[in-house]
């Protein structure tokens, strides 16, 4: 499981860099591509988890406002 020691903005920035690297690479090194795709998957999970946490926090705040 991916550790979430990276914040959302840094994860998105790293994902964008991986995409740029994959799009602009002229050489096809399957090991490098595989490791970049694995890292991108970890980063997407981190972003997804952080967005779910944020969503729950916002729901709690909105519920408190309604009380």
PDB file of N, CA and C in Angstrom:
ATOM      1  N   UNK A   1       0.835  -1.182   0.000  1.00  0.00           N
ATOM      2  CA  UNK A   1       0.000   0.000   0.000  1.00  0.00           C
ATOM      3  C   UNK A   1       0.877   1.242   0.000  1.00  0.00           C
ATOM      4  N   UNK A   2       0.455   2.273  -0.703  1.00  0.00           N
ATOM      5  CA  UNK A   2       1.239   3.498  -0.835  1.00  0.00           C
ATOM      6  C   UNK A   2       1.180   4.320   0.449  1.00  0.00           C
ATOM      7  N   UNK A   3       2.324   4.841   0.845  1.00  0.00           N
ATOM      8  CA  UNK A   3       2.344   5.723   2.005  1.00  0.00           C
ATOM      9  C   UNK A   3       1.935   7.111   1.562  1.00  0.00           C
ATOM     10  N   UNK A   4       1.202   7.809   2.425  1.00  0.00           N
ATOM     11  CA  UNK A   4       0.695   9.118   2.049  1.00  0.00           C
ATOM     12  C   UNK A   4       1.499  10.229   2.716  1.00  0.00           C
ATOM     13  N   UNK A   5       2.796  10.217   2.520  1.00  0.00           N
ATOM     14  CA  UNK A   5       3.646  11.245   3.084  1.00  0.00           C
ATOM     15  C   UNK A   5       3.790  12.428   2.135  1.00  0.00           C
ATOM     16  N   UNK A   6       3.102  12.364   1.023  1.00  0.00           N
ATOM     17  CA  UNK A   6       3.163  13.418   0.015  1.00  0.00           C
ATOM     18  C   UNK A   6       1.808  14.124  -0.021  1.00  0.00           C
ATOM     19  N   UNK A   7       1.821  15.430  -0.174  1.00  0.00           N
ATOM     20  CA  UNK A   7       0.544  16.140  -0.207  1.00  0.00           C
ATOM     21  C   UNK A   7      -0.062  16.106  -1.608  1.00  0.00           C
ATOM     22  N   UNK A   8      -1.310  16.513  -1.698  1.00  0.00           N
ATOM     23  CA  UNK A   8      -2.067  16.426  -2.943  1.00  0.00           C
ATOM     24  C   UNK A   8      -1.387  17.193  -4.079  1.00  0.00           C
ATOM     25  N   UNK A   9      -0.987  18.418  -3.809  1.00  0.00           N
ATOM     26  CA  UNK A   9      -0.380  19.251  -4.855  1.00  0.00           C
ATOM     27  C   UNK A   9       0.913  18.642  -5.386  1.00  0.00           C
ATOM     28  N   UNK A  10       1.726  18.106  -4.486  1.00  0.00           N
ATOM     29  CA  UNK A  10       2.977  17.481  -4.913  1.00  0.00           C
ATOM     30  C   UNK A  10       2.704  16.202  -5.703  1.00  0.00           C
ATOM     31  N   UNK A  11       1.679  15.447  -5.305  1.00  0.00           N
ATOM     32  CA  UNK A  11       1.319  14.228  -6.020  1.00  0.00           C
ATOM     33  C   UNK A  11       0.863  14.557  -7.437  1.00  0.00           C
ATOM     34  N   UNK A  12       0.041  15.588  -7.572  1.00  0.00           N
ATOM     35  CA  UNK A  12      -0.436  15.996  -8.901  1.00  0.00           C
ATOM     36  C   UNK A  12       0.730  16.479  -9.756  1.00  0.00           C
ATOM     37  N   UNK A  13       1.622  17.243  -9.162  1.00  0.00           N
ATOM     38  CA  UNK A  13       2.788  17.734  -9.906  1.00  0.00           C
ATOM     39  C   UNK A  13       3.660  16.568 -10.381  1.00  0.00           C
ATOM     40  N   UNK A  14       3.843  15.577  -9.516  1.00  0.00           N
ATOM     41  CA  UNK A  14       4.648  14.417  -9.917  1.00  0.00           C
ATOM     42  C   UNK A  14       3.936  13.619 -11.015  1.00  0.00           C
ATOM     43  N   UNK A  15       2.622  13.492 -10.905  1.00  0.00           N
ATOM     44  CA  UNK A  15       1.851  12.817 -11.956  1.00  0.00           C
ATOM     45  C   UNK A  15       1.998  13.532 -13.294  1.00  0.00           C
ATOM     46  N   UNK A  16       1.925  14.850 -13.271  1.00  0.00           N
ATOM     47  CA  UNK A  16       2.075  15.630 -14.500  1.00  0.00           C
ATOM     48  C   UNK A  16       3.462  15.428 -15.103  1.00  0.00           C
ATOM     49  N   UNK A  17       4.480  15.348 -14.242  1.00  0.00           N
ATOM     50  CA  UNK A  17       5.838  15.145 -14.732  1.00  0.00           C
ATOM     51  C   UNK A  17       5.998  13.750 -15.342  1.00  0.00           C
ATOM     52  N   UNK A  18       5.400  12.757 -14.713  1.00  0.00           N
ATOM     53  CA  UNK A  18       5.450  11.403 -15.271  1.00  0.00           C
ATOM     54  C   UNK A  18       4.801  11.386 -16.656  1.00  0.00           C
ATOM     55  N   UNK A  19       3.661  12.043 -16.789  1.00  0.00           N
ATOM     56  CA  UNK A  19       2.971  12.100 -18.075  1.00  0.00           C
ATOM     57  C   UNK A  19       3.842  12.768 -19.131  1.00  0.00           C
ATOM     58  N   UNK A  20       4.465  13.877 -18.777  1.00  0.00           N
ATOM     59  CA  UNK A  20       5.360  14.568 -19.709  1.00  0.00           C
ATOM     60  C   UNK A  20       6.514  13.655 -20.111  1.00  0.00           C
ATOM     61  N   UNK A  21       7.098  12.986 -19.116  1.00  0.00           N
ATOM     62  CA  UNK A  21       8.217  12.079 -19.402  1.00  0.00           C
ATOM     63  C   UNK A  21       7.797  10.975 -20.365  1.00  0.00           C
ATOM     64  N   UNK A  22       6.631  10.397 -20.136  1.00  0.00           N
ATOM     65  CA  UNK A  22       6.171   9.312 -21.000  1.00  0.00           C
ATOM     66  C   UNK A  22       5.829   9.811 -22.401  1.00  0.00           C
ATOM     67  N   UNK A  23       5.263  10.995 -22.492  1.00  0.00           N
ATOM     68  CA  UNK A  23       4.888  11.539 -23.801  1.00  0.00           C
ATOM     69  C   UNK A  23       6.085  11.968 -24.631  1.00  0.00           C
ATOM     70  N   UNK A  24       7.132  12.430 -23.982  1.00  0.00           N
ATOM     71  CA  UNK A  24       8.270  12.980 -24.717  1.00  0.00           C
ATOM     72  C   UNK A  24       9.447  12.014 -24.863  1.00  0.00           C
ATOM     73  N   UNK A  25       9.359  10.870 -24.207  1.00  0.00           N
ATOM     74  CA  UNK A  25      10.449   9.905 -24.275  1.00  0.00           C
ATOM     75  C   UNK A  25      10.530   9.290 -25.669  1.00  0.00           C
ATOM     76  N   UNK A  26      11.730   9.258 -26.213  1.00  0.00           N
ATOM     77  CA  UNK A  26      11.939   8.675 -27.537  1.00  0.00           C
ATOM     78  C   UNK A  26      12.383   7.228 -27.449  1.00  0.00           C
ATOM     79  N   UNK A  27      12.821   6.816 -26.271  1.00  0.00           N
ATOM     80  CA  UNK A  27      13.249   5.435 -26.128  1.00  0.00           C
ATOM     81  C   UNK A  27      12.171   4.638 -25.397  1.00  0.00           C
ATOM     82  N   UNK A  28      12.085   3.379 -25.746  1.00  0.00           N
ATOM     83  CA  UNK A  28      11.088   2.517 -25.135  1.00  0.00           C
ATOM     84  C   UNK A  28      11.813   1.546 -24.215  1.00  0.00           C
ATOM     85  N   UNK A  29      11.854   1.885 -22.939  1.00  0.00           N
ATOM     86  CA  UNK A  29      12.455   1.033 -21.924  1.00  0.00           C
ATOM     87  C   UNK A  29      11.313   0.528 -21.047  1.00  0.00           C
ATOM     88  N   UNK A  30      10.930  -0.704 -21.264  1.00  0.00           N
ATOM     89  CA  UNK A  30       9.759  -1.261 -20.585  1.00  0.00           C
ATOM     90  C   UNK A  30       9.893  -1.222 -19.069  1.00  0.00           C
ATOM     91  N   UNK A  31      11.093  -1.400 -18.550  1.00  0.00           N
ATOM     92  CA  UNK A  31      11.279  -1.356 -17.100  1.00  0.00           C
ATOM     93  C   UNK A  31      10.987   0.044 -16.561  1.00  0.00           C
ATOM     94  N   UNK A  32      11.478   1.066 -17.272  1.00  0.00           N
ATOM     95  CA  UNK A  32      11.223   2.444 -16.841  1.00  0.00           C
ATOM     96  C   UNK A  32       9.748   2.794 -16.974  1.00  0.00           C
ATOM     97  N   UNK A  33       9.139   2.372 -18.073  1.00  0.00           N
ATOM     98  CA  UNK A  33       7.714   2.639 -18.272  1.00  0.00           C
ATOM     99  C   UNK A  33       6.910   1.962 -17.170  1.00  0.00           C
ATOM    100  N   UNK A  34       7.238   0.735 -16.870  1.00  0.00           N
ATOM    101  CA  UNK A  34       6.533  -0.011 -15.831  1.00  0.00           C
ATOM    102  C   UNK A  34       6.649   0.671 -14.475  1.00  0.00           C
ATOM    103  N   UNK A  35       7.843   1.114 -14.128  1.00  0.00           N
ATOM    104  CA  UNK A  35       8.028   1.766 -12.828  1.00  0.00           C
ATOM    105  C   UNK A  35       7.301   3.101 -12.774  1.00  0.00           C
ATOM    106  N   UNK A  36       7.272   3.835 -13.884  1.00  0.00           N
ATOM    107  CA  UNK A  36       6.553   5.111 -13.916  1.00  0.00           C
ATOM    108  C   UNK A  36       5.048   4.893 -13.796  1.00  0.00           C
ATOM    109  N   UNK A  37       4.535   3.865 -14.452  1.00  0.00           N
ATOM    110  CA  UNK A  37       3.103   3.564 -14.365  1.00  0.00           C
ATOM    111  C   UNK A  37       2.742   3.119 -12.946  1.00  0.00           C
ATOM    112  N   UNK A  38       3.597   2.321 -12.325  1.00  0.00           N
ATOM    113  CA  UNK A  38       3.355   1.909 -10.936  1.00  0.00           C
ATOM    114  C   UNK A  38       3.345   3.118 -10.013  1.00  0.00           C
ATOM    115  N   UNK A  39       4.301   4.009 -10.190  1.00  0.00           N
ATOM    116  CA  UNK A  39       4.359   5.215  -9.347  1.00  0.00           C
ATOM    117  C   UNK A  39       3.136   6.084  -9.595  1.00  0.00           C
ATOM    118  N   UNK A  40       2.726   6.221 -10.841  1.00  0.00           N
ATOM    119  CA  UNK A  40       1.537   7.023 -11.159  1.00  0.00           C
ATOM    120  C   UNK A  40       0.306   6.433 -10.480  1.00  0.00           C
ATOM    121  N   UNK A  41       0.208   5.116 -10.447  1.00  0.00           N
ATOM    122  CA  UNK A  41      -0.913   4.457  -9.784  1.00  0.00           C
ATOM    123  C   UNK A  41      -0.910   4.767  -8.289  1.00  0.00           C
ATOM    124  N   UNK A  42       0.257   4.715  -7.677  1.00  0.00           N
ATOM    125  CA  UNK A  42       0.368   5.058  -6.252  1.00  0.00           C
ATOM    126  C   UNK A  42      -0.061   6.505  -6.003  1.00  0.00           C
ATOM    127  N   UNK A  43       0.401   7.403  -6.861  1.00  0.00           N
ATOM    128  CA  UNK A  43       0.065   8.820  -6.707  1.00  0.00           C
ATOM    129  C   UNK A  43      -1.433   9.067  -6.891  1.00  0.00           C
ATOM    130  N   UNK A  44      -2.043   8.379  -7.852  1.00  0.00           N
ATOM    131  CA  UNK A  44      -3.486   8.546  -8.062  1.00  0.00           C
ATOM    132  C   UNK A  44      -4.265   8.053  -6.850  1.00  0.00           C
ATOM    133  N   UNK A  45      -3.812   6.970  -6.230  1.00  0.00           N
ATOM    134  CA  UNK A  45      -4.481   6.469  -5.031  1.00  0.00           C
ATOM    135  C   UNK A  45      -4.350   7.484  -3.902  1.00  0.00           C
ATOM    136  N   UNK A  46      -3.184   8.060  -3.743  1.00  0.00           N
ATOM    137  CA  UNK A  46      -2.976   9.083  -2.712  1.00  0.00           C
ATOM    138  C   UNK A  46      -3.927  10.251  -2.939  1.00  0.00           C
ATOM    139  N   UNK A  47      -4.022  10.726  -4.174  1.00  0.00           N
ATOM    140  CA  UNK A  47      -4.913  11.845  -4.491  1.00  0.00           C
ATOM    141  C   UNK A  47      -6.366  11.476  -4.207  1.00  0.00           C
ATOM    142  N   UNK A  48      -6.763  10.295  -4.625  1.00  0.00           N
ATOM    143  CA  UNK A  48      -8.137   9.834  -4.412  1.00  0.00           C
ATOM    144  C   UNK A  48      -8.452   9.764  -2.920  1.00  0.00           C
ATOM    145  N   UNK A  49      -7.553   9.182  -2.138  1.00  0.00           N
ATOM    146  CA  UNK A  49      -7.762   9.081  -0.694  1.00  0.00           C
ATOM    147  C   UNK A  49      -7.865  10.455  -0.045  1.00  0.00           C
ATOM    148  N   UNK A  50      -7.002  11.371  -0.456  1.00  0.00           N
ATOM    149  CA  UNK A  50      -7.033  12.718   0.121  1.00  0.00           C
ATOM    150  C   UNK A  50      -8.313  13.453  -0.265  1.00  0.00           C
ATOM    151  N   UNK A  51      -8.799  13.228  -1.473  1.00  0.00           N
ATOM    152  CA  UNK A  51     -10.060  13.858  -1.887  1.00  0.00           C
ATOM    153  C   UNK A  51     -11.236  13.290  -1.108  1.00  0.00           C
ATOM    154  N   UNK A  52     -11.224  11.996  -0.811  1.00  0.00           N
ATOM    155  CA  UNK A  52     -12.289  11.396   0.002  1.00  0.00           C
ATOM    156  C   UNK A  52     -12.285  11.964   1.421  1.00  0.00           C
ATOM    157  N   UNK A  53     -11.096  12.125   1.978  1.00  0.00           N
ATOM    158  CA  UNK A  53     -10.985  12.719   3.316  1.00  0.00           C
ATOM    159  C   UNK A  53     -11.520  14.142   3.306  1.00  0.00           C
ATOM    160  N   UNK A  54     -11.144  14.910   2.308  1.00  0.00           N
ATOM    161  CA  UNK A  54     -11.619  16.288   2.186  1.00  0.00           C
ATOM    162  C   UNK A  54     -13.137  16.325   2.054  1.00  0.00           C
ATOM    163  N   UNK A  55     -13.690  15.430   1.248  1.00  0.00           N
ATOM    164  CA  UNK A  55     -15.134  15.360   1.052  1.00  0.00           C
ATOM    165  C   UNK A  55     -15.845  15.076   2.376  1.00  0.00           C
ATOM    166  N   UNK A  56     -15.325  14.129   3.162  1.00  0.00           N
ATOM    167  CA  UNK A  56     -15.926  13.814   4.461  1.00  0.00           C
ATOM    168  C   UNK A  56     -15.837  15.004   5.402  1.00  0.00           C
ATOM    169  N   UNK A  57     -14.704  15.688   5.403  1.00  0.00           N
ATOM    170  CA  UNK A  57     -14.542  16.865   6.260  1.00  0.00           C
ATOM    171  C   UNK A  57     -15.547  17.954   5.892  1.00  0.00           C
ATOM    172  N   UNK A  58     -15.742  18.174   4.616  1.00  0.00           N
ATOM    173  CA  UNK A  58     -16.693  19.194   4.161  1.00  0.00           C
ATOM    174  C   UNK A  58     -18.114  18.794   4.537  1.00  0.00           C
ATOM    175  N   UNK A  59     -18.442  17.516   4.400  1.00  0.00           N
ATOM    176  CA  UNK A  59     -19.773  17.050   4.795  1.00  0.00           C
ATOM    177  C   UNK A  59     -20.017  17.292   6.277  1.00  0.00           C
ATOM    178  N   UNK A  60     -19.033  17.018   7.120  1.00  0.00           N
ATOM    179  CA  UNK A  60     -19.158  17.247   8.558  1.00  0.00           C
ATOM    180  C   UNK A  60     -19.393  18.725   8.854  1.00  0.00           C
ATOM    181  N   UNK A  61     -18.634  19.566   8.172  1.00  0.00           N
ATOM    182  CA  UNK A  61     -18.772  21.008   8.390  1.00  0.00           C
ATOM    183  C   UNK A  61     -20.169  21.473   7.985  1.00  0.00           C
ATOM    184  N   UNK A  62     -20.650  20.997   6.858  1.00  0.00           N
ATOM    185  CA  UNK A  62     -21.982  21.386   6.389  1.00  0.00           C
ATOM    186  C   UNK A  62     -23.076  20.876   7.321  1.00  0.00           C
ATOM    187  N   UNK A  63     -22.894  19.679   7.869  1.00  0.00           N
ATOM    188  CA  UNK A  63     -23.855  19.144   8.822  1.00  0.00           C
ATOM    189  C   UNK A  63     -23.877  19.993  10.085  1.00  0.00           C
ATOM    190  N   UNK A  64     -22.719  20.430  10.543  1.00  0.00           N
ATOM    191  CA  UNK A  64     -22.644  21.275  11.728  1.00  0.00           C
ATOM    192  C   UNK A  64     -23.335  22.600  11.506  1.00  0.00           C
ATOM    193  N   UNK A  65     -23.264  23.125  10.296  1.00  0.00           N
ATOM    194  CA  UNK A  65     -23.922  24.388   9.995  1.00  0.00           C
ATOM    195  C   UNK A  65     -25.438  24.246  10.010  1.00  0.00           C
ATOM    196  N   UNK A  66     -25.928  23.054   9.673  1.00  0.00           N
ATOM    197  CA  UNK A  66     -27.365  22.825   9.637  1.00  0.00           C
ATOM    198  C   UNK A  66     -27.960  22.610  11.026  1.00  0.00           C
ATOM    199  N   UNK A  67     -27.127  22.276  11.994  1.00  0.00           N
ATOM    200  CA  UNK A  67     -27.631  22.014  13.354  1.00  0.00           C
ATOM    201  C   UNK A  67     -27.985  23.270  14.096  1.00  0.00           C
TER     202      UNK A  67
END
